[in-house]
């Protein structure tokens, strides 16, 4: 059977991969769903029983809100800004290719794109928690990006269905995509957001590791969630 996730936050059976089916269900109807559709609950389905009122406090959206963090980030070259505005937001690599969107200045190299495609990460828009990520540094060093624009994206993006997280560079071997439930336990938000004493070597290592964490948004980040894009025109 194909693995599914039942999102407790947006009331959606959201597929891990876009080729998998998606179901929508209201919390009050969940027990009826189990009775009438037992075939969608085999042992290899990861199922989170939903009740929005009390599970939202465990959502990554809330974890960032309580730290007074209201934006996450995406880096891009300035040459992409007009296209992002005209097309209505950010799109995944696979969507860009499928729609023959041309003249895109990519941050990732061909190896990175191939790795993303092999493991299905090309279907996601990749975001980060800080305006500092090793992939942006590498893109500038290797000349793929000339002028970096750090797009500020409302943390409302975390409430879109199917958002996943990683605690390292997402296409690195062995790195697993995390659900909201898993991410709130595994993503090192303290290491990301707190000031650490870098005279202690362990703190420096912790910060450098934590800022590699990524947010994976399926297919599309709508333009209205990008709060500062017109600054770069």
Protein backbone atom coordinates (compact mmCIF):
# COMPACT_ATOMS: atom_id res chain seq x y z
CA UNK A 1 0.00 0.00 0.00
CA UNK A 2 1.10 3.57 -0.57
CA UNK A 3 2.08 5.48 2.56
CA UNK A 4 -0.11 8.44 3.50
CA UNK A 5 -0.05 11.06 6.21
CA UNK A 6 -3.16 12.31 7.92
CA UNK A 7 -2.44 15.92 8.73
CA UNK A 8 -3.92 16.98 12.07
CA UNK A 9 -3.57 20.62 11.13
CA UNK A 10 -5.20 21.11 7.74
CA UNK A 11 -7.63 18.20 7.91
CA UNK A 12 -6.09 16.49 4.91
CA UNK A 13 -4.83 13.05 4.10
CA UNK A 14 -1.70 14.36 2.39
CA UNK A 15 0.44 12.07 0.30
CA UNK A 16 4.18 11.98 0.98
CA UNK A 17 4.71 11.93 -2.79
CA UNK A 18 2.45 13.81 -5.24
CA UNK A 19 1.73 10.62 -7.19
CA UNK A 20 -0.01 9.21 -4.13
CA UNK A 21 -3.71 9.87 -3.50
CA UNK A 22 -4.96 12.61 -1.19
CA UNK A 23 -8.03 12.44 1.05
CA UNK A 24 -9.72 15.25 2.93
CA UNK A 25 -11.64 14.58 6.13
CA UNK A 26 -13.23 16.62 8.91
CA UNK A 27 -12.22 15.59 12.46
CA UNK A 28 -15.79 14.67 13.37
CA UNK A 29 -15.92 12.24 10.45
CA UNK A 30 -12.64 10.48 11.13
CA UNK A 31 -14.13 7.44 12.88
CA UNK A 32 -16.61 7.01 10.03
CA UNK A 33 -13.72 7.17 7.59
CA UNK A 34 -11.98 4.32 9.39
CA UNK A 35 -15.17 2.22 9.26
CA UNK A 36 -16.00 2.93 5.63
CA UNK A 37 -12.48 3.05 4.15
CA UNK A 38 -10.46 0.44 6.10
CA UNK A 39 -8.32 -0.14 3.03
CA UNK A 40 -6.56 3.21 3.56
CA UNK A 41 -5.30 2.21 6.99
CA UNK A 42 -2.89 -0.72 6.43
CA UNK A 43 0.16 -1.15 8.63
CA UNK A 44 2.47 0.91 6.45
CA UNK A 45 0.35 4.08 6.66
CA UNK A 46 1.57 6.69 9.08
CA UNK A 47 -1.59 8.07 10.60
CA UNK A 48 -1.90 11.00 13.00
CA UNK A 49 -5.35 11.27 14.59
CA UNK A 50 -6.51 14.79 14.01
CA UNK A 51 -8.00 17.30 16.37
CA UNK A 52 -6.97 20.79 15.32
CA UNK A 53 -7.79 22.55 18.57
CA UNK A 54 -5.19 20.76 20.67
CA UNK A 55 -2.63 19.53 18.14
CA UNK A 56 -1.90 22.97 16.69
CA UNK A 57 0.18 23.77 19.78
CA UNK A 58 2.56 21.04 18.67
CA UNK A 59 2.76 22.37 15.11
CA UNK A 60 6.02 23.90 13.87
CA UNK A 61 4.02 27.03 13.06
CA UNK A 62 3.32 27.46 16.77
CA UNK A 63 6.89 26.57 17.76
CA UNK A 64 8.20 29.44 15.64
CA UNK A 65 5.43 31.82 16.71
CA UNK A 66 6.24 31.39 20.37
CA UNK A 67 9.84 32.36 19.56
CA UNK A 68 8.54 35.52 17.83
CA UNK A 69 9.76 34.17 14.51
CA UNK A 70 7.39 35.16 11.72
CA UNK A 71 9.40 34.47 8.57
CA UNK A 72 11.35 31.68 6.97
CA UNK A 73 13.52 32.20 3.90
CA UNK A 74 14.32 31.24 0.33
CA UNK A 75 17.40 32.44 -1.51
CA UNK A 76 17.38 33.20 -5.22
CA UNK A 77 19.28 35.28 -7.75
CA UNK A 78 18.00 38.79 -8.44
CA UNK A 79 17.49 37.85 -12.08
CA UNK A 80 14.63 35.53 -11.01
CA UNK A 81 12.56 38.18 -9.21
CA UNK A 82 10.42 39.35 -12.14
CA UNK A 83 9.66 35.76 -13.11
CA UNK A 84 8.63 34.87 -9.54
CA UNK A 85 6.24 37.82 -9.47
CA UNK A 86 4.83 37.17 -12.95
CA UNK A 87 4.28 33.47 -12.27
CA UNK A 88 2.67 34.01 -8.88
CA UNK A 89 5.28 32.61 -6.53
CA UNK A 90 7.96 29.98 -6.14
CA UNK A 91 7.71 26.59 -7.84
CA UNK A 92 9.45 23.27 -7.39
CA UNK A 93 12.11 22.10 -9.81
CA UNK A 94 9.81 19.46 -11.31
CA UNK A 95 7.04 22.02 -11.86
CA UNK A 96 9.48 24.40 -13.55
CA UNK A 97 10.62 21.64 -15.90
CA UNK A 98 7.13 20.30 -16.62
CA UNK A 99 5.91 23.77 -17.57
CA UNK A 100 9.01 24.62 -19.63
CA UNK A 101 9.74 27.72 -17.57
CA UNK A 102 12.90 29.13 -19.11
CA UNK A 103 15.69 31.51 -18.08
CA UNK A 104 15.74 30.42 -14.45
CA UNK A 105 18.94 31.00 -12.50
CA UNK A 106 19.14 27.94 -10.23
CA UNK A 107 20.98 27.86 -6.93
CA UNK A 108 21.61 24.13 -7.16
CA UNK A 109 24.03 22.50 -9.58
CA UNK A 110 23.24 19.53 -11.84
CA UNK A 111 24.41 17.00 -9.23
CA UNK A 112 22.05 18.54 -6.68
CA UNK A 113 19.14 18.52 -9.15
CA UNK A 114 19.80 14.88 -10.04
CA UNK A 115 19.95 13.93 -6.36
CA UNK A 116 16.67 15.77 -5.69
CA UNK A 117 14.99 14.01 -8.60
CA UNK A 118 16.17 10.55 -7.53
CA UNK A 119 14.55 10.85 -4.11
CA UNK A 120 11.53 12.97 -5.02
CA UNK A 121 12.73 16.24 -3.52
CA UNK A 122 12.39 17.97 -6.89
CA UNK A 123 8.65 18.20 -6.16
CA UNK A 124 9.27 20.58 -3.25
CA UNK A 125 10.25 24.23 -2.89
CA UNK A 126 13.17 24.34 -0.48
CA UNK A 127 13.18 26.94 2.30
CA UNK A 128 15.45 27.56 5.27
CA UNK A 129 15.02 28.95 8.78
CA UNK A 130 17.68 31.69 8.61
CA UNK A 131 19.12 34.11 6.05
CA UNK A 132 22.19 31.91 6.17
CA UNK A 133 22.50 28.49 4.55
CA UNK A 134 25.53 26.60 3.24
CA UNK A 135 23.81 25.94 -0.10
CA UNK A 136 23.56 29.71 -0.73
CA UNK A 137 27.24 30.17 0.11
CA UNK A 138 28.21 27.37 -2.28
CA UNK A 139 25.99 28.75 -5.05
CA UNK A 140 27.74 32.15 -4.79
CA UNK A 141 31.21 30.61 -4.57
CA UNK A 142 30.58 28.51 -7.68
CA UNK A 143 29.10 31.44 -9.61
CA UNK A 144 25.56 30.12 -10.06
CA UNK A 145 24.18 33.11 -8.15
CA UNK A 146 25.51 36.62 -8.70
CA UNK A 147 23.27 38.70 -6.44
CA UNK A 148 21.50 36.86 -3.64
CA UNK A 149 17.99 37.93 -2.69
CA UNK A 150 16.74 36.48 0.58
CA UNK A 151 12.96 36.22 0.24
CA UNK A 152 11.06 36.54 3.53
CA UNK A 153 8.20 34.07 3.58
CA UNK A 154 5.40 34.19 6.14
CA UNK A 155 5.39 31.24 8.51
CA UNK A 156 1.81 30.71 7.34
CA UNK A 157 3.55 28.60 4.69
CA UNK A 158 4.11 25.98 7.39
CA UNK A 159 0.37 25.42 7.52
CA UNK A 160 0.12 24.37 3.89
CA UNK A 161 -0.67 20.67 3.42
CA UNK A 162 2.22 18.28 3.00
CA UNK A 163 5.02 20.48 4.35
CA UNK A 164 8.01 18.42 5.48
CA UNK A 165 11.30 19.25 7.21
CA UNK A 166 14.88 18.02 7.34
CA UNK A 167 17.54 18.58 9.99
CA UNK A 168 20.35 18.71 7.43
CA UNK A 169 20.81 19.50 3.75
CA UNK A 170 17.80 17.68 2.36
CA UNK A 171 19.43 15.65 -0.44
CA UNK A 172 22.35 14.49 1.67
CA UNK A 173 22.58 10.70 1.88
CA UNK A 174 20.74 9.33 4.90
CA UNK A 175 18.75 12.49 5.67
CA UNK A 176 15.06 11.76 6.25
CA UNK A 177 12.08 14.02 5.61
CA UNK A 178 10.23 14.80 8.84
CA UNK A 179 6.55 15.46 9.43
CA UNK A 180 5.43 18.31 11.69
CA UNK A 181 5.04 15.85 14.52
CA UNK A 182 8.58 14.56 14.07
CA UNK A 183 10.14 17.94 13.27
CA UNK A 184 9.03 19.63 16.48
CA UNK A 185 11.06 17.01 18.36
CA UNK A 186 14.06 16.73 16.04
CA UNK A 187 14.71 20.15 14.44
CA UNK A 188 17.14 22.04 16.69
CA UNK A 189 15.27 25.34 17.00
CA UNK A 190 17.40 26.36 19.97
CA UNK A 191 20.54 25.87 17.89
CA UNK A 192 18.98 27.77 14.98
CA UNK A 193 17.66 30.82 16.80
CA UNK A 194 19.56 31.27 20.05
CA UNK A 195 22.82 33.16 20.40
CA UNK A 196 25.51 30.63 21.29
CA UNK A 197 28.93 31.23 22.76
CA UNK A 198 31.24 30.43 19.84
CA UNK A 199 34.27 30.34 22.13
CA UNK A 200 32.91 26.88 22.95
CA UNK A 201 33.64 24.67 19.96
CA UNK A 202 30.58 22.48 20.53
CA UNK A 203 28.33 25.54 20.18
CA UNK A 204 29.91 26.48 16.88
CA UNK A 205 29.38 22.93 15.59
CA UNK A 206 25.78 22.96 16.83
CA UNK A 207 24.98 26.27 15.11
CA UNK A 208 26.57 25.22 11.82
CA UNK A 209 24.62 21.97 11.84
CA UNK A 210 21.30 23.50 12.88
CA UNK A 211 21.27 26.15 10.16
CA UNK A 212 21.45 23.42 7.50
CA UNK A 213 17.86 22.46 8.35
CA UNK A 214 15.31 22.85 5.57
CA UNK A 215 11.57 23.25 5.06
CA UNK A 216 10.06 21.42 2.09
CA UNK A 217 6.87 22.89 0.61
CA UNK A 218 5.07 20.79 -2.02
CA UNK A 219 4.99 22.29 -5.53
CA UNK A 220 4.31 25.99 -4.87
CA UNK A 221 4.81 28.87 -2.43
CA UNK A 222 2.13 31.47 -3.28
CA UNK A 223 3.29 34.99 -4.02
CA UNK A 224 1.14 36.49 -1.25
CA UNK A 225 3.25 34.65 1.34
CA UNK A 226 6.47 36.28 0.07
CA UNK A 227 6.52 39.50 2.06
CA UNK A 228 9.51 41.41 0.71
CA UNK A 229 9.77 40.43 -2.95
CA UNK A 230 8.91 43.88 -4.33
CA UNK A 231 11.92 45.34 -2.50
CA UNK A 232 14.16 43.62 -5.04
CA UNK A 233 12.56 44.97 -8.24
